[in-house]
Amino acid sequence: MENGAAQPVIVAIDGPAGTGKSSTSKAVAAQLGLSYLDTGAQYRAITWWMVTNGIDVDDPSAIAAVAGKAEIVSGTDPEHPTITVDGVDVAGPIRTQEVSSQVSAVSAVPEVRARITELQRSVAAAAELGIVVEGRDIGTTVLPDADLKIFLTASPEARAARRSGELKGSDVHATREALIKRDAADSSRKTSPLAKADDAVEVDTTELTLAQVVECVVTLVEEKRAGK
């Protein structure tokens, strides 16, 4: 490596829904000139494909049998992240309540996780300058050798308020219940559950603005780069 050429830096940002993972990850990647990958969108995409193709999402063996079929492509520009399934833009359809309510069940199937994890690793390996990868098991399972691991947390109330702000017209109480249920499902699944890596830096975002969280993470990445 020439002097001055920065090593590609891989940043894993994990945490439950509504902690500000996506907004933080996109902003950090944009500020540092890194690629960005929303792994949740990939699980939503494969779930959307299952629902659209009439696969019984309550039947893990039916899901496992077709886990390799959908062609999922993630665009990694943090300013304009994209996701397609079999060439179709699914950025909108994957955010529906129908997909949101099924994604934990589909994501828990080991064959689905193996397929999507492989996809995530290949995207990270192809990122020339480095990448910010956000999800639930990035620091523990997908990229255990990431240069920096961040685990975002926030109170259930703060998370529900943020999430219901994103989902127009949704009720904060119902959103909070749904988040807690989804956390429980994601934390208790057998295959790569939502968990904080031992070497992750925990950042509680409850009382912080997005700008403060971004600044905190950017500083951590810059310190990591300086010390490399």
C-alpha atoms as a PDB file:
ATOM      1  CA  MET A   1       0.000   0.000   0.000  1.00  0.00           C
ATOM      2  CA  GLU A   2       1.254   3.453  -0.898  1.00  0.00           C
ATOM      3  CA  ASN A   3       1.553   5.969   1.892  1.00  0.00           C
ATOM      4  CA  GLY A   4      -1.624   7.967   2.127  1.00  0.00           C
ATOM      5  CA  ALA A   5      -3.784   5.308   0.464  1.00  0.00           C
ATOM      6  CA  ALA A   6      -6.348   4.425   3.090  1.00  0.00           C
ATOM      7  CA  GLN A   7      -6.962   0.751   3.736  1.00  0.00           C
ATOM      8  CA  PRO A   8     -10.537  -0.264   2.998  1.00  0.00           C
ATOM      9  CA  VAL A   9     -12.417  -0.069   6.283  1.00  0.00           C
ATOM     10  CA  ILE A  10     -15.294  -2.409   7.126  1.00  0.00           C
ATOM     11  CA  VAL A  11     -17.798  -1.092   9.647  1.00  0.00           C
ATOM     12  CA  ALA A  12     -20.535  -3.322  11.092  1.00  0.00           C
ATOM     13  CA  ILE A  13     -23.548  -1.572  12.638  1.00  0.00           C
ATOM     14  CA  ASP A  14     -25.991  -3.844  14.429  1.00  0.00           C
ATOM     15  CA  GLY A  15     -28.969  -3.325  16.664  1.00  0.00           C
ATOM     16  CA  PRO A  16     -32.730  -3.774  16.884  1.00  0.00           C
ATOM     17  CA  ALA A  17     -35.272  -1.904  14.728  1.00  0.00           C
ATOM     18  CA  GLY A  18     -35.877   1.780  15.380  1.00  0.00           C
ATOM     19  CA  THR A  19     -32.445   2.583  16.814  1.00  0.00           C
ATOM     20  CA  GLY A  20     -31.508   4.738  13.823  1.00  0.00           C
ATOM     21  CA  LYS A  21     -29.319   2.106  12.144  1.00  0.00           C
ATOM     22  CA  SER A  22     -30.241   2.937   8.556  1.00  0.00           C
ATOM     23  CA  SER A  23     -30.096   6.718   8.855  1.00  0.00           C
ATOM     24  CA  THR A  24     -26.825   6.505  10.793  1.00  0.00           C
ATOM     25  CA  SER A  25     -25.209   3.972   8.466  1.00  0.00           C
ATOM     26  CA  LYS A  26     -26.117   5.873   5.300  1.00  0.00           C
ATOM     27  CA  ALA A  27     -24.890   9.196   6.699  1.00  0.00           C
ATOM     28  CA  VAL A  28     -21.615   7.725   7.991  1.00  0.00           C
ATOM     29  CA  ALA A  29     -20.934   5.977   4.667  1.00  0.00           C
ATOM     30  CA  ALA A  30     -21.703   9.162   2.696  1.00  0.00           C
ATOM     31  CA  GLN A  31     -19.493  11.300   4.930  1.00  0.00           C
ATOM     32  CA  LEU A  32     -16.537   8.883   4.739  1.00  0.00           C
ATOM     33  CA  GLY A  33     -16.923   7.957   1.063  1.00  0.00           C
ATOM     34  CA  LEU A  34     -17.722   4.317   1.819  1.00  0.00           C
ATOM     35  CA  SER A  35     -20.197   1.915   0.282  1.00  0.00           C
ATOM     36  CA  TYR A  36     -23.351   1.054   2.235  1.00  0.00           C
ATOM     37  CA  LEU A  37     -25.360  -2.131   2.606  1.00  0.00           C
ATOM     38  CA  ASP A  38     -28.745  -2.487   4.277  1.00  0.00           C
ATOM     39  CA  THR A  39     -28.904  -6.211   5.064  1.00  0.00           C
ATOM     40  CA  GLY A  40     -32.439  -5.937   6.429  1.00  0.00           C
ATOM     41  CA  ALA A  41     -33.576  -4.908   2.948  1.00  0.00           C
ATOM     42  CA  GLN A  42     -32.095  -8.152   1.576  1.00  0.00           C
ATOM     43  CA  TYR A  43     -34.090 -10.232   4.059  1.00  0.00           C
ATOM     44  CA  ARG A  44     -37.165  -8.161   3.227  1.00  0.00           C
ATOM     45  CA  ALA A  45     -36.493  -8.742  -0.480  1.00  0.00           C
ATOM     46  CA  ILE A  46     -36.345 -12.515  -0.161  1.00  0.00           C
ATOM     47  CA  THR A  47     -39.475 -12.372   2.040  1.00  0.00           C
ATOM     48  CA  TRP A  48     -41.257 -10.262  -0.611  1.00  0.00           C
ATOM     49  CA  TRP A  49     -40.273 -12.848  -3.241  1.00  0.00           C
ATOM     50  CA  MET A  50     -41.673 -15.693  -1.087  1.00  0.00           C
ATOM     51  CA  VAL A  51     -44.957 -13.840  -0.466  1.00  0.00           C
ATOM     52  CA  THR A  52     -45.268 -12.822  -4.141  1.00  0.00           C
ATOM     53  CA  ASN A  53     -44.648 -16.378  -5.312  1.00  0.00           C
ATOM     54  CA  GLY A  54     -47.173 -17.893  -2.932  1.00  0.00           C
ATOM     55  CA  ILE A  55     -44.636 -19.768  -0.768  1.00  0.00           C
ATOM     56  CA  ASP A  56     -46.091 -20.762   2.608  1.00  0.00           C
ATOM     57  CA  VAL A  57     -43.987 -18.639   4.958  1.00  0.00           C
ATOM     58  CA  ASP A  58     -45.158 -20.717   7.928  1.00  0.00           C
ATOM     59  CA  ASP A  59     -43.424 -23.754   6.427  1.00  0.00           C
ATOM     60  CA  PRO A  60     -39.634 -23.581   6.915  1.00  0.00           C
ATOM     61  CA  SER A  61     -39.029 -26.517   4.574  1.00  0.00           C
ATOM     62  CA  ALA A  62     -40.973 -24.806   1.771  1.00  0.00           C
ATOM     63  CA  ILE A  63     -38.906 -21.649   2.332  1.00  0.00           C
ATOM     64  CA  ALA A  64     -35.636 -23.615   2.462  1.00  0.00           C
ATOM     65  CA  ALA A  65     -36.439 -25.363  -0.820  1.00  0.00           C
ATOM     66  CA  VAL A  66     -36.566 -22.073  -2.750  1.00  0.00           C
ATOM     67  CA  ALA A  67     -34.041 -20.014  -0.746  1.00  0.00           C
ATOM     68  CA  GLY A  68     -31.644 -19.860  -3.704  1.00  0.00           C
ATOM     69  CA  LYS A  69     -34.132 -18.829  -6.372  1.00  0.00           C
ATOM     70  CA  ALA A  70     -34.523 -15.057  -6.112  1.00  0.00           C
ATOM     71  CA  GLU A  71     -31.775 -12.965  -7.682  1.00  0.00           C
ATOM     72  CA  ILE A  72     -31.184 -10.131  -5.202  1.00  0.00           C
ATOM     73  CA  VAL A  73     -28.961  -7.207  -6.174  1.00  0.00           C
ATOM     74  CA  SER A  74     -28.124  -4.403  -3.739  1.00  0.00           C
ATOM     75  CA  GLY A  75     -26.869  -1.013  -4.958  1.00  0.00           C
ATOM     76  CA  THR A  76     -24.383   0.256  -2.380  1.00  0.00           C
ATOM     77  CA  ASP A  77     -24.359   4.031  -2.991  1.00  0.00           C
ATOM     78  CA  PRO A  78     -25.322   5.506   0.411  1.00  0.00           C
ATOM     79  CA  GLU A  79     -26.952   8.511  -1.284  1.00  0.00           C
ATOM     80  CA  HIS A  80     -29.167   6.256  -3.450  1.00  0.00           C
ATOM     81  CA  PRO A  81     -29.236   2.690  -2.131  1.00  0.00           C
ATOM     82  CA  THR A  82     -31.224   0.373  -4.406  1.00  0.00           C
ATOM     83  CA  ILE A  83     -32.498  -3.174  -4.248  1.00  0.00           C
ATOM     84  CA  THR A  84     -33.859  -5.345  -7.010  1.00  0.00           C
ATOM     85  CA  VAL A  85     -35.244  -8.873  -7.123  1.00  0.00           C
ATOM     86  CA  ASP A  86     -35.003 -10.610 -10.503  1.00  0.00           C
ATOM     87  CA  GLY A  87     -34.404  -7.182 -12.047  1.00  0.00           C
ATOM     88  CA  VAL A  88     -37.485  -5.565 -10.446  1.00  0.00           C
ATOM     89  CA  ASP A  89     -37.070  -2.524  -8.178  1.00  0.00           C
ATOM     90  CA  VAL A  90     -38.548  -3.576  -4.825  1.00  0.00           C
ATOM     91  CA  ALA A  91     -37.457  -0.650  -2.611  1.00  0.00           C
ATOM     92  CA  GLY A  92     -41.128   0.292  -2.036  1.00  0.00           C
ATOM     93  CA  PRO A  93     -42.862  -3.111  -1.873  1.00  0.00           C
ATOM     94  CA  ILE A  94     -40.452  -4.549   0.719  1.00  0.00           C
ATOM     95  CA  ARG A  95     -41.534  -1.911   3.281  1.00  0.00           C
ATOM     96  CA  THR A  96     -45.188  -2.989   3.406  1.00  0.00           C
ATOM     97  CA  GLN A  97     -46.799  -4.305   6.583  1.00  0.00           C
ATOM     98  CA  GLU A  98     -47.288  -7.671   4.863  1.00  0.00           C
ATOM     99  CA  VAL A  99     -43.542  -8.094   4.378  1.00  0.00           C
ATOM    100  CA  SER A 100     -42.688  -6.577   7.795  1.00  0.00           C
ATOM    101  CA  SER A 101     -44.889  -9.097   9.569  1.00  0.00           C
ATOM    102  CA  GLN A 102     -43.329 -12.106   7.781  1.00  0.00           C
ATOM    103  CA  VAL A 103     -39.646 -11.154   7.646  1.00  0.00           C
ATOM    104  CA  SER A 104     -38.674 -12.665  11.020  1.00  0.00           C
ATOM    105  CA  ALA A 105     -40.129 -16.060  10.084  1.00  0.00           C
ATOM    106  CA  VAL A 106     -38.372 -16.138   6.718  1.00  0.00           C
ATOM    107  CA  SER A 107     -35.091 -14.803   8.161  1.00  0.00           C
ATOM    108  CA  ALA A 108     -35.002 -17.534  10.786  1.00  0.00           C
ATOM    109  CA  VAL A 109     -34.692 -20.311   8.186  1.00  0.00           C
ATOM    110  CA  PRO A 110     -31.014 -21.432   8.141  1.00  0.00           C
ATOM    111  CA  GLU A 111     -30.922 -21.875   4.352  1.00  0.00           C
ATOM    112  CA  VAL A 112     -32.119 -18.298   3.889  1.00  0.00           C
ATOM    113  CA  ARG A 113     -29.492 -16.978   6.313  1.00  0.00           C
ATOM    114  CA  ALA A 114     -26.719 -18.967   4.614  1.00  0.00           C
ATOM    115  CA  ARG A 115     -27.744 -17.622   1.199  1.00  0.00           C
ATOM    116  CA  ILE A 116     -28.075 -13.981   2.294  1.00  0.00           C
ATOM    117  CA  THR A 117     -24.905 -14.093   4.444  1.00  0.00           C
ATOM    118  CA  GLU A 118     -22.930 -15.278   1.408  1.00  0.00           C
ATOM    119  CA  LEU A 119     -24.421 -12.415  -0.621  1.00  0.00           C
ATOM    120  CA  GLN A 120     -23.480  -9.897   2.101  1.00  0.00           C
ATOM    121  CA  ARG A 121     -19.900 -11.143   2.320  1.00  0.00           C
ATOM    122  CA  SER A 122     -19.452 -10.887  -1.444  1.00  0.00           C
ATOM    123  CA  VAL A 123     -20.802  -7.299  -1.451  1.00  0.00           C
ATOM    124  CA  ALA A 124     -18.432  -6.341   1.396  1.00  0.00           C
ATOM    125  CA  ALA A 125     -15.457  -7.998  -0.326  1.00  0.00           C
ATOM    126  CA  ALA A 126     -16.157  -6.039  -3.530  1.00  0.00           C
ATOM    127  CA  ALA A 127     -16.220  -2.629  -1.804  1.00  0.00           C
ATOM    128  CA  GLU A 128     -12.913  -1.061  -2.834  1.00  0.00           C
ATOM    129  CA  LEU A 129     -12.790   1.762  -0.278  1.00  0.00           C
ATOM    130  CA  GLY A 130     -14.678  -0.077   2.414  1.00  0.00           C
ATOM    131  CA  ILE A 131     -18.289  -0.359   3.473  1.00  0.00           C
ATOM    132  CA  VAL A 132     -20.747   0.283   6.274  1.00  0.00           C
ATOM    133  CA  VAL A 133     -22.926  -2.811   6.694  1.00  0.00           C
ATOM    134  CA  GLU A 134     -25.992  -2.559   8.907  1.00  0.00           C
ATOM    135  CA  GLY A 135     -28.054  -5.399  10.285  1.00  0.00           C
ATOM    136  CA  ARG A 136     -28.550  -7.664  13.258  1.00  0.00           C
ATOM    137  CA  ASP A 137     -25.769 -10.249  13.018  1.00  0.00           C
ATOM    138  CA  ILE A 138     -23.057  -8.454  11.049  1.00  0.00           C
ATOM    139  CA  GLY A 139     -20.464  -8.142  13.815  1.00  0.00           C
ATOM    140  CA  THR A 140     -21.154 -11.621  15.176  1.00  0.00           C
ATOM    141  CA  THR A 141     -21.758 -13.773  12.092  1.00  0.00           C
ATOM    142  CA  VAL A 142     -21.502 -12.055   8.723  1.00  0.00           C
ATOM    143  CA  LEU A 143     -18.297 -10.022   9.150  1.00  0.00           C
ATOM    144  CA  PRO A 144     -16.748 -11.109  12.460  1.00  0.00           C
ATOM    145  CA  ASP A 145     -13.433  -9.570  11.343  1.00  0.00           C
ATOM    146  CA  ALA A 146     -14.934  -6.114  10.689  1.00  0.00           C
ATOM    147  CA  ASP A 147     -12.530  -3.277  11.557  1.00  0.00           C
ATOM    148  CA  LEU A 148     -15.148  -1.581  13.722  1.00  0.00           C
ATOM    149  CA  LYS A 149     -18.325  -2.952  15.251  1.00  0.00           C
ATOM    150  CA  ILE A 150     -21.047  -0.690  16.589  1.00  0.00           C
ATOM    151  CA  PHE A 151     -24.144  -1.870  18.453  1.00  0.00           C
ATOM    152  CA  LEU A 152     -26.910   0.741  18.539  1.00  0.00           C
ATOM    153  CA  THR A 153     -29.539   0.621  21.276  1.00  0.00           C
ATOM    154  CA  ALA A 154     -32.447   2.845  22.361  1.00  0.00           C
ATOM    155  CA  SER A 155     -35.397   2.556  24.709  1.00  0.00           C
ATOM    156  CA  PRO A 156     -38.461   0.742  23.288  1.00  0.00           C
ATOM    157  CA  GLU A 157     -40.421   4.011  23.589  1.00  0.00           C
ATOM    158  CA  ALA A 158     -37.889   6.004  21.565  1.00  0.00           C
ATOM    159  CA  ARG A 159     -37.695   3.258  18.960  1.00  0.00           C
ATOM    160  CA  ALA A 160     -41.469   2.993  18.613  1.00  0.00           C
ATOM    161  CA  ALA A 161     -41.798   6.766  18.234  1.00  0.00           C
ATOM    162  CA  ARG A 162     -39.158   6.793  15.466  1.00  0.00           C
ATOM    163  CA  ARG A 163     -40.581   3.785  13.688  1.00  0.00           C
ATOM    164  CA  SER A 164     -44.164   5.076  13.785  1.00  0.00           C
ATOM    165  CA  GLY A 165     -42.854   8.373  12.427  1.00  0.00           C
ATOM    166  CA  GLU A 166     -41.498   6.374   9.470  1.00  0.00           C
ATOM    167  CA  LEU A 167     -44.655   4.308   9.020  1.00  0.00           C
ATOM    168  CA  LYS A 168     -47.279   6.936   8.301  1.00  0.00           C
ATOM    169  CA  GLY A 169     -50.453   6.735  10.331  1.00  0.00           C
ATOM    170  CA  SER A 170     -49.246   3.967  12.608  1.00  0.00           C
ATOM    171  CA  ASP A 171     -50.047   3.849  16.274  1.00  0.00           C
ATOM    172  CA  VAL A 172     -47.054   4.184  18.626  1.00  0.00           C
ATOM    173  CA  HIS A 173     -48.367   1.606  21.111  1.00  0.00           C
ATOM    174  CA  ALA A 174     -48.996  -1.018  18.409  1.00  0.00           C
ATOM    175  CA  THR A 175     -45.603  -0.228  16.886  1.00  0.00           C
ATOM    176  CA  ARG A 176     -43.892  -0.693  20.248  1.00  0.00           C
ATOM    177  CA  GLU A 177     -45.586  -4.079  20.717  1.00  0.00           C
ATOM    178  CA  ALA A 178     -44.580  -5.160  17.197  1.00  0.00           C
ATOM    179  CA  LEU A 179     -40.954  -4.062  17.767  1.00  0.00           C
ATOM    180  CA  ILE A 180     -40.704  -5.937  21.064  1.00  0.00           C
ATOM    181  CA  LYS A 181     -42.184  -9.049  19.444  1.00  0.00           C
ATOM    182  CA  ARG A 182     -39.775  -8.818  16.526  1.00  0.00           C
ATOM    183  CA  ASP A 183     -36.759  -8.300  18.815  1.00  0.00           C
ATOM    184  CA  ALA A 184     -37.768 -11.373  20.793  1.00  0.00           C
ATOM    185  CA  ALA A 185     -38.058 -13.425  17.587  1.00  0.00           C
ATOM    186  CA  ASP A 186     -34.730 -12.145  16.215  1.00  0.00           C
ATOM    187  CA  SER A 187     -32.878 -12.524  19.529  1.00  0.00           C
ATOM    188  CA  SER A 188     -34.099 -16.050  20.189  1.00  0.00           C
ATOM    189  CA  ARG A 189     -33.707 -17.624  16.749  1.00  0.00           C
ATOM    190  CA  LYS A 190     -31.202 -20.464  16.619  1.00  0.00           C
ATOM    191  CA  THR A 191     -29.289 -19.294  13.557  1.00  0.00           C
ATOM    192  CA  SER A 192     -27.216 -16.122  14.046  1.00  0.00           C
ATOM    193  CA  PRO A 193     -29.534 -14.258  16.417  1.00  0.00           C
ATOM    194  CA  LEU A 194     -29.557 -10.509  17.008  1.00  0.00           C
ATOM    195  CA  ALA A 195     -26.681 -10.134  19.461  1.00  0.00           C
ATOM    196  CA  LYS A 196     -23.959  -7.703  20.423  1.00  0.00           C
ATOM    197  CA  ALA A 197     -20.432  -8.833  19.531  1.00  0.00           C
ATOM    198  CA  ASP A 198     -17.985  -8.915  22.462  1.00  0.00           C
ATOM    199  CA  ASP A 199     -15.779  -6.343  20.746  1.00  0.00           C
ATOM    200  CA  ALA A 200     -18.590  -4.008  19.664  1.00  0.00           C
ATOM    201  CA  VAL A 201     -18.891  -0.427  20.900  1.00  0.00           C
ATOM    202  CA  GLU A 202     -22.401   0.123  22.269  1.00  0.00           C
ATOM    203  CA  VAL A 203     -24.027   3.467  21.500  1.00  0.00           C
ATOM    204  CA  ASP A 204     -27.333   4.277  23.225  1.00  0.00           C
ATOM    205  CA  THR A 205     -29.196   6.619  20.866  1.00  0.00           C
ATOM    206  CA  THR A 206     -32.224   7.301  23.099  1.00  0.00           C
ATOM    207  CA  GLU A 207     -31.187  10.842  24.039  1.00  0.00           C
ATOM    208  CA  LEU A 208     -29.095  11.633  20.959  1.00  0.00           C
ATOM    209  CA  THR A 209     -30.003  13.362  17.714  1.00  0.00           C
ATOM    210  CA  LEU A 210     -29.152  11.627  14.448  1.00  0.00           C
ATOM    211  CA  ALA A 211     -26.341  14.155  13.863  1.00  0.00           C
ATOM    212  CA  GLN A 212     -24.826  13.291  17.259  1.00  0.00           C
ATOM    213  CA  VAL A 213     -24.936   9.548  16.572  1.00  0.00           C
ATOM    214  CA  VAL A 214     -23.363  10.055  13.141  1.00  0.00           C
ATOM    215  CA  GLU A 215     -20.614  12.245  14.597  1.00  0.00           C
ATOM    216  CA  CYS A 216     -19.900   9.628  17.270  1.00  0.00           C
ATOM    217  CA  VAL A 217     -19.605   6.782  14.726  1.00  0.00           C
ATOM    218  CA  VAL A 218     -17.539   8.833  12.247  1.00  0.00           C
ATOM    219  CA  THR A 219     -15.117   9.671  15.060  1.00  0.00           C
ATOM    220  CA  LEU A 220     -14.836   5.980  15.992  1.00  0.00           C
ATOM    221  CA  VAL A 221     -14.117   5.053  12.350  1.00  0.00           C
ATOM    222  CA  GLU A 222     -11.508   7.803  11.998  1.00  0.00           C
ATOM    223  CA  GLU A 223      -9.791   6.724  15.222  1.00  0.00           C
ATOM    224  CA  LYS A 224      -9.780   3.149  13.944  1.00  0.00           C
ATOM    225  CA  ARG A 225      -8.270   4.217  10.627  1.00  0.00           C
ATOM    226  CA  ALA A 226      -5.608   6.324  12.333  1.00  0.00           C
ATOM    227  CA  GLY A 227      -4.616   3.411  14.526  1.00  0.00           C
ATOM    228  CA  LYS A 228      -4.441   0.867  11.715  1.00  0.00           C
END
